Amino acid sequence: MTESRRRRALGAAVLGSALLLAGCAVPGQEGSPGVAAASEQTTLTSARVAELYDAWAFEAHKPIPRDQVVTLELLREPMLDHIDELQLTYSRYSIEQEAVSIKEYESVDGEPSEAMIDGLEATYLLAAYTMIPEDDSLLRSIAEDVAATTTVSPREGTFDVDQLLASLSDASATAVSLANAGQPGWFMEFNVADLFVAGDAEWLASE
């Protein structure tokens, strides 16, 4: 391979890596560069996803994959909008205090970031929507509405509400056990929530 061809190959590899890390859209794909998901109400940037990812990994010491980070953030505000339907008295302040307790338990210095609190809020709400109602119809309705009104980057995959509900059901038994034992942040078990099936990464391949 000549030097010029090596340089072109290296350049293509660097460009491909940057595209993958940024989660950008490409020509012919829906979505804007640097946007993981967007609806009329919200735009979830890849930078925001990275911030939430870091909070789970370095503050909560409970790292999760990108698709679960995106799932939690897409569902958080819609769940807040419907919280009265659970007849649940909810205060973000209580989650802020839980975040402090979790960081102390994990021996992590500093005040909890807003990203950490947002992540914990999402898992707490998922716990409530999973464990309080007699069935999953309310959460299913919320998730289906999110799926119908949100455009996601091809990197995230495609929506699958049944998979989401199954992932939450699997987390319930462990969460209940931890809650009964007085474990701080027991509701973090619901960070397994996954609204996506794997995306097709072929669009990243070089020509």
C-alpha atoms as a PDB file:
ATOM      1  CA  MET A   1       0.000   0.000   0.000  1.00  0.00           C
ATOM      2  CA  THR A   2       1.396   3.414  -0.945  1.00  0.00           C
ATOM      3  CA  GLU A   3       1.825   6.200   1.618  1.00  0.00           C
ATOM      4  CA  SER A   4      -1.077   8.180   0.155  1.00  0.00           C
ATOM      5  CA  ARG A   5      -3.377   5.160   0.367  1.00  0.00           C
ATOM      6  CA  ARG A   6      -2.284   4.539   3.966  1.00  0.00           C
ATOM      7  CA  ARG A   7      -3.092   8.167   4.808  1.00  0.00           C
ATOM      8  CA  ARG A   8      -6.518   7.888   3.173  1.00  0.00           C
ATOM      9  CA  ALA A   9      -7.233   4.646   5.050  1.00  0.00           C
ATOM     10  CA  LEU A  10      -6.132   6.206   8.341  1.00  0.00           C
ATOM     11  CA  GLY A  11      -8.265   9.244   7.676  1.00  0.00           C
ATOM     12  CA  ALA A  12     -11.292   7.071   6.953  1.00  0.00           C
ATOM     13  CA  ALA A  13     -10.732   5.118  10.166  1.00  0.00           C
ATOM     14  CA  VAL A  14     -10.478   8.304  12.229  1.00  0.00           C
ATOM     15  CA  LEU A  15     -13.609   9.708  10.593  1.00  0.00           C
ATOM     16  CA  GLY A  16     -15.488   6.473  11.223  1.00  0.00           C
ATOM     17  CA  SER A  17     -14.440   6.447  14.880  1.00  0.00           C
ATOM     18  CA  ALA A  18     -15.517  10.052  15.339  1.00  0.00           C
ATOM     19  CA  LEU A  19     -18.873   9.282  13.754  1.00  0.00           C
ATOM     20  CA  LEU A  20     -19.384   6.292  16.023  1.00  0.00           C
ATOM     21  CA  LEU A  21     -18.452   8.207  19.171  1.00  0.00           C
ATOM     22  CA  ALA A  22     -20.608  11.187  18.308  1.00  0.00           C
ATOM     23  CA  GLY A  23     -23.625   9.085  17.411  1.00  0.00           C
ATOM     24  CA  CYS A  24     -24.149  11.257  14.350  1.00  0.00           C
ATOM     25  CA  ALA A  25     -26.671  10.742  11.635  1.00  0.00           C
ATOM     26  CA  VAL A  26     -25.474  10.182   8.096  1.00  0.00           C
ATOM     27  CA  PRO A  27     -26.908  11.144   4.725  1.00  0.00           C
ATOM     28  CA  GLY A  28     -30.126   9.237   4.090  1.00  0.00           C
ATOM     29  CA  GLN A  29     -30.749   8.614   7.793  1.00  0.00           C
ATOM     30  CA  GLU A  30     -33.255  10.437   9.986  1.00  0.00           C
ATOM     31  CA  GLY A  31     -32.082  12.718  12.766  1.00  0.00           C
ATOM     32  CA  SER A  32     -29.565  15.513  13.186  1.00  0.00           C
ATOM     33  CA  PRO A  33     -25.827  15.111  13.770  1.00  0.00           C
ATOM     34  CA  GLY A  34     -25.018  14.679  17.452  1.00  0.00           C
ATOM     35  CA  VAL A  35     -28.622  13.824  18.365  1.00  0.00           C
ATOM     36  CA  ALA A  36     -29.433  10.435  19.874  1.00  0.00           C
ATOM     37  CA  ALA A  37     -33.197  10.957  19.934  1.00  0.00           C
ATOM     38  CA  ALA A  38     -35.697  13.751  19.353  1.00  0.00           C
ATOM     39  CA  SER A  39     -39.406  14.406  19.740  1.00  0.00           C
ATOM     40  CA  GLU A  40     -41.532  17.541  19.764  1.00  0.00           C
ATOM     41  CA  GLN A  41     -40.964  17.875  23.511  1.00  0.00           C
ATOM     42  CA  THR A  42     -37.275  17.054  23.862  1.00  0.00           C
ATOM     43  CA  THR A  43     -33.954  16.591  22.109  1.00  0.00           C
ATOM     44  CA  LEU A  44     -31.519  14.119  23.611  1.00  0.00           C
ATOM     45  CA  THR A  45     -28.012  14.877  22.421  1.00  0.00           C
ATOM     46  CA  SER A  46     -25.126  12.441  22.402  1.00  0.00           C
ATOM     47  CA  ALA A  47     -23.311  14.783  24.792  1.00  0.00           C
ATOM     48  CA  ARG A  48     -26.194  14.438  27.250  1.00  0.00           C
ATOM     49  CA  VAL A  49     -26.128  10.660  26.866  1.00  0.00           C
ATOM     50  CA  ALA A  50     -22.406  10.688  27.676  1.00  0.00           C
ATOM     51  CA  GLU A  51     -23.064  12.822  30.761  1.00  0.00           C
ATOM     52  CA  LEU A  52     -25.712  10.412  32.032  1.00  0.00           C
ATOM     53  CA  TYR A  53     -23.509   7.416  31.209  1.00  0.00           C
ATOM     54  CA  ASP A  54     -20.659   8.873  33.273  1.00  0.00           C
ATOM     55  CA  ALA A  55     -22.973   9.568  36.201  1.00  0.00           C
ATOM     56  CA  TRP A  56     -24.059   5.927  36.311  1.00  0.00           C
ATOM     57  CA  ALA A  57     -20.499   4.664  35.968  1.00  0.00           C
ATOM     58  CA  PHE A  58     -18.547   7.009  38.223  1.00  0.00           C
ATOM     59  CA  GLU A  59     -21.048   8.321  40.768  1.00  0.00           C
ATOM     60  CA  ALA A  60     -23.487   5.445  41.239  1.00  0.00           C
ATOM     61  CA  HIS A  61     -20.893   2.742  40.478  1.00  0.00           C
ATOM     62  CA  LYS A  62     -23.546   0.958  38.439  1.00  0.00           C
ATOM     63  CA  PRO A  63     -22.525   1.336  34.781  1.00  0.00           C
ATOM     64  CA  ILE A  64     -25.080   0.566  32.099  1.00  0.00           C
ATOM     65  CA  PRO A  65     -24.976   0.392  28.283  1.00  0.00           C
ATOM     66  CA  ARG A  66     -25.872   3.357  26.118  1.00  0.00           C
ATOM     67  CA  ASP A  67     -29.262   1.977  25.051  1.00  0.00           C
ATOM     68  CA  GLN A  68     -30.349   1.750  28.693  1.00  0.00           C
ATOM     69  CA  VAL A  69     -29.141   5.306  29.352  1.00  0.00           C
ATOM     70  CA  VAL A  70     -31.236   6.530  26.414  1.00  0.00           C
ATOM     71  CA  THR A  71     -34.236   4.484  27.541  1.00  0.00           C
ATOM     72  CA  LEU A  72     -34.211   5.992  31.029  1.00  0.00           C
ATOM     73  CA  GLU A  73     -33.969   9.555  29.809  1.00  0.00           C
ATOM     74  CA  LEU A  74     -36.645   9.174  27.133  1.00  0.00           C
ATOM     75  CA  LEU A  75     -39.120   7.775  29.659  1.00  0.00           C
ATOM     76  CA  ARG A  76     -38.328  10.072  32.598  1.00  0.00           C
ATOM     77  CA  GLU A  77     -40.316  13.174  31.668  1.00  0.00           C
ATOM     78  CA  PRO A  78     -43.320  11.265  30.265  1.00  0.00           C
ATOM     79  CA  MET A  79     -43.502   9.258  33.494  1.00  0.00           C
ATOM     80  CA  LEU A  80     -43.422  12.468  35.517  1.00  0.00           C
ATOM     81  CA  ASP A  81     -46.272  13.816  33.403  1.00  0.00           C
ATOM     82  CA  HIS A  82     -48.466  10.852  34.383  1.00  0.00           C
ATOM     83  CA  ILE A  83     -47.397  10.451  38.010  1.00  0.00           C
ATOM     84  CA  ASP A  84     -50.790  11.533  39.390  1.00  0.00           C
ATOM     85  CA  GLU A  85     -52.357   8.475  37.756  1.00  0.00           C
ATOM     86  CA  LEU A  86     -50.386   6.321  40.191  1.00  0.00           C
ATOM     87  CA  GLN A  87     -51.807   8.277  43.129  1.00  0.00           C
ATOM     88  CA  LEU A  88     -48.223   8.577  44.328  1.00  0.00           C
ATOM     89  CA  THR A  89     -46.859  11.527  46.265  1.00  0.00           C
ATOM     90  CA  TYR A  90     -43.502  12.187  44.639  1.00  0.00           C
ATOM     91  CA  SER A  91     -40.743  14.653  45.495  1.00  0.00           C
ATOM     92  CA  ARG A  92     -37.514  15.115  43.568  1.00  0.00           C
ATOM     93  CA  TYR A  93     -35.960  16.197  46.863  1.00  0.00           C
ATOM     94  CA  SER A  94     -36.268  12.621  48.112  1.00  0.00           C
ATOM     95  CA  ILE A  95     -34.266  11.425  45.117  1.00  0.00           C
ATOM     96  CA  GLU A  96     -31.622  14.067  45.776  1.00  0.00           C
ATOM     97  CA  GLN A  97     -31.251  12.700  49.305  1.00  0.00           C
ATOM     98  CA  GLU A  98     -31.076   9.153  47.975  1.00  0.00           C
ATOM     99  CA  ALA A  99     -28.282  10.254  45.640  1.00  0.00           C
ATOM    100  CA  VAL A 100     -26.326  11.623  48.601  1.00  0.00           C
ATOM    101  CA  SER A 101     -26.788   8.347  50.483  1.00  0.00           C
ATOM    102  CA  ILE A 102     -25.708   6.291  47.474  1.00  0.00           C
ATOM    103  CA  LYS A 103     -22.518   8.309  46.987  1.00  0.00           C
ATOM    104  CA  GLU A 104     -21.700   7.950  50.672  1.00  0.00           C
ATOM    105  CA  TYR A 105     -22.379   4.200  50.509  1.00  0.00           C
ATOM    106  CA  GLU A 106     -20.135   3.898  47.449  1.00  0.00           C
ATOM    107  CA  SER A 107     -17.440   6.147  49.009  1.00  0.00           C
ATOM    108  CA  VAL A 108     -17.654   8.647  46.153  1.00  0.00           C
ATOM    109  CA  ASP A 109     -16.761  12.209  47.117  1.00  0.00           C
ATOM    110  CA  GLY A 110     -18.695  15.307  46.155  1.00  0.00           C
ATOM    111  CA  GLU A 111     -22.292  16.356  45.729  1.00  0.00           C
ATOM    112  CA  PRO A 112     -24.438  14.320  43.319  1.00  0.00           C
ATOM    113  CA  SER A 113     -24.601  15.767  39.821  1.00  0.00           C
ATOM    114  CA  GLU A 114     -27.909  16.649  38.212  1.00  0.00           C
ATOM    115  CA  ALA A 115     -27.222  13.852  35.733  1.00  0.00           C
ATOM    116  CA  MET A 116     -26.988  11.325  38.558  1.00  0.00           C
ATOM    117  CA  ILE A 117     -30.196  12.621  40.117  1.00  0.00           C
ATOM    118  CA  ASP A 118     -31.958  12.439  36.736  1.00  0.00           C
ATOM    119  CA  GLY A 119     -30.861   8.848  36.292  1.00  0.00           C
ATOM    120  CA  LEU A 120     -32.013   7.856  39.766  1.00  0.00           C
ATOM    121  CA  GLU A 121     -35.299   9.663  39.243  1.00  0.00           C
ATOM    122  CA  ALA A 122     -35.945   7.632  36.106  1.00  0.00           C
ATOM    123  CA  THR A 123     -35.282   4.329  37.871  1.00  0.00           C
ATOM    124  CA  TYR A 124     -37.401   5.307  40.878  1.00  0.00           C
ATOM    125  CA  LEU A 125     -40.303   6.171  38.597  1.00  0.00           C
ATOM    126  CA  LEU A 126     -39.901   2.903  36.696  1.00  0.00           C
ATOM    127  CA  ALA A 127     -40.010   1.053  40.007  1.00  0.00           C
ATOM    128  CA  ALA A 128     -43.243   2.856  40.887  1.00  0.00           C
ATOM    129  CA  TYR A 129     -44.867   2.213  37.518  1.00  0.00           C
ATOM    130  CA  THR A 130     -43.829  -1.446  37.658  1.00  0.00           C
ATOM    131  CA  MET A 131     -44.712  -2.250  41.274  1.00  0.00           C
ATOM    132  CA  ILE A 132     -47.706  -0.055  42.200  1.00  0.00           C
ATOM    133  CA  PRO A 133     -50.313  -0.735  39.481  1.00  0.00           C
ATOM    134  CA  GLU A 134     -52.018  -4.099  39.181  1.00  0.00           C
ATOM    135  CA  ASP A 135     -50.924  -4.350  35.558  1.00  0.00           C
ATOM    136  CA  ASP A 136     -48.445  -2.755  33.170  1.00  0.00           C
ATOM    137  CA  SER A 137     -51.005  -0.964  30.995  1.00  0.00           C
ATOM    138  CA  LEU A 138     -50.090   2.570  32.098  1.00  0.00           C
ATOM    139  CA  LEU A 139     -46.359   2.130  31.547  1.00  0.00           C
ATOM    140  CA  ARG A 140     -47.027   0.333  28.265  1.00  0.00           C
ATOM    141  CA  SER A 141     -49.131   3.279  27.105  1.00  0.00           C
ATOM    142  CA  ILE A 142     -46.386   5.750  28.020  1.00  0.00           C
ATOM    143  CA  ALA A 143     -43.690   3.701  26.305  1.00  0.00           C
ATOM    144  CA  GLU A 144     -45.773   3.202  23.172  1.00  0.00           C
ATOM    145  CA  ASP A 145     -46.383   6.945  22.953  1.00  0.00           C
ATOM    146  CA  VAL A 146     -42.644   7.616  23.303  1.00  0.00           C
ATOM    147  CA  ALA A 147     -41.904   5.077  20.576  1.00  0.00           C
ATOM    148  CA  ALA A 148     -44.522   6.576  18.255  1.00  0.00           C
ATOM    149  CA  THR A 149     -43.436  10.199  18.673  1.00  0.00           C
ATOM    150  CA  THR A 150     -39.645   9.920  18.933  1.00  0.00           C
ATOM    151  CA  THR A 151     -37.059   9.716  16.165  1.00  0.00           C
ATOM    152  CA  VAL A 152     -33.843   7.963  17.162  1.00  0.00           C
ATOM    153  CA  SER A 153     -30.402   7.703  15.626  1.00  0.00           C
ATOM    154  CA  PRO A 154     -29.829   4.403  13.776  1.00  0.00           C
ATOM    155  CA  ARG A 155     -27.175   3.733  16.395  1.00  0.00           C
ATOM    156  CA  GLU A 156     -29.819   3.261  19.079  1.00  0.00           C
ATOM    157  CA  GLY A 157     -31.716   0.510  17.263  1.00  0.00           C
ATOM    158  CA  THR A 158     -35.497   0.155  17.041  1.00  0.00           C
ATOM    159  CA  PHE A 159     -38.170   0.426  19.725  1.00  0.00           C
ATOM    160  CA  ASP A 160     -39.525  -2.713  21.394  1.00  0.00           C
ATOM    161  CA  VAL A 161     -42.032  -2.044  24.199  1.00  0.00           C
ATOM    162  CA  ASP A 162     -42.476  -5.735  25.016  1.00  0.00           C
ATOM    163  CA  GLN A 163     -38.742  -6.044  25.619  1.00  0.00           C
ATOM    164  CA  LEU A 164     -38.850  -3.008  27.924  1.00  0.00           C
ATOM    165  CA  LEU A 165     -41.597  -4.486  30.077  1.00  0.00           C
ATOM    166  CA  ALA A 166     -39.872  -7.859  30.222  1.00  0.00           C
ATOM    167  CA  SER A 167     -36.618  -6.255  31.371  1.00  0.00           C
ATOM    168  CA  LEU A 168     -38.450  -4.458  34.188  1.00  0.00           C
ATOM    169  CA  SER A 169     -40.284  -7.583  35.306  1.00  0.00           C
ATOM    170  CA  ASP A 170     -36.976  -9.380  35.659  1.00  0.00           C
ATOM    171  CA  ALA A 171     -35.641  -6.587  37.905  1.00  0.00           C
ATOM    172  CA  SER A 172     -38.586  -6.534  40.313  1.00  0.00           C
ATOM    173  CA  ALA A 173     -37.676  -9.485  42.531  1.00  0.00           C
ATOM    174  CA  THR A 174     -34.139  -8.245  43.186  1.00  0.00           C
ATOM    175  CA  ALA A 175     -35.377  -4.694  43.824  1.00  0.00           C
ATOM    176  CA  VAL A 176     -37.949  -5.888  46.377  1.00  0.00           C
ATOM    177  CA  SER A 177     -35.319  -7.950  48.172  1.00  0.00           C
ATOM    178  CA  LEU A 178     -32.941  -4.990  48.387  1.00  0.00           C
ATOM    179  CA  ALA A 179     -35.710  -2.639  49.508  1.00  0.00           C
ATOM    180  CA  ASN A 180     -36.723  -5.008  52.293  1.00  0.00           C
ATOM    181  CA  ALA A 181     -33.080  -5.129  53.394  1.00  0.00           C
ATOM    182  CA  GLY A 182     -32.908  -1.325  53.566  1.00  0.00           C
ATOM    183  CA  GLN A 183     -30.388  -1.057  50.729  1.00  0.00           C
ATOM    184  CA  PRO A 184     -29.846   2.563  49.546  1.00  0.00           C
ATOM    185  CA  GLY A 185     -30.893   3.035  45.943  1.00  0.00           C
ATOM    186  CA  TRP A 186     -32.678  -0.318  45.692  1.00  0.00           C
ATOM    187  CA  PHE A 187     -34.644   1.112  42.769  1.00  0.00           C
ATOM    188  CA  MET A 188     -31.449   1.363  40.716  1.00  0.00           C
ATOM    189  CA  GLU A 189     -32.096  -2.269  39.785  1.00  0.00           C
ATOM    190  CA  PHE A 190     -34.542  -0.859  37.248  1.00  0.00           C
ATOM    191  CA  ASN A 191     -31.714   0.687  35.234  1.00  0.00           C
ATOM    192  CA  VAL A 192     -31.856  -2.532  33.201  1.00  0.00           C
ATOM    193  CA  ALA A 193     -34.806  -0.955  31.356  1.00  0.00           C
ATOM    194  CA  ASP A 194     -34.162  -1.360  27.635  1.00  0.00           C
ATOM    195  CA  LEU A 195     -36.570   0.003  25.029  1.00  0.00           C
ATOM    196  CA  PHE A 196     -34.390  -0.930  22.043  1.00  0.00           C
ATOM    197  CA  VAL A 197     -33.406  -3.939  20.034  1.00  0.00           C
ATOM    198  CA  ALA A 198     -29.976  -3.804  18.463  1.00  0.00           C
ATOM    199  CA  GLY A 199     -29.534  -1.405  15.596  1.00  0.00           C
ATOM    200  CA  ASP A 200     -28.068  -2.226  12.213  1.00  0.00           C
ATOM    201  CA  ALA A 201     -24.533  -0.827  12.139  1.00  0.00           C
ATOM    202  CA  GLU A 202     -23.957  -1.499   8.414  1.00  0.00           C
ATOM    203  CA  TRP A 203     -24.294   2.224   7.639  1.00  0.00           C
ATOM    204  CA  LEU A 204     -20.958   2.743   9.452  1.00  0.00           C
ATOM    205  CA  ALA A 205     -19.050   0.534   7.062  1.00  0.00           C
ATOM    206  CA  SER A 206     -16.692   2.232   4.648  1.00  0.00           C
ATOM    207  CA  GLU A 207     -17.447   1.968   0.975  1.00  0.00           C
END
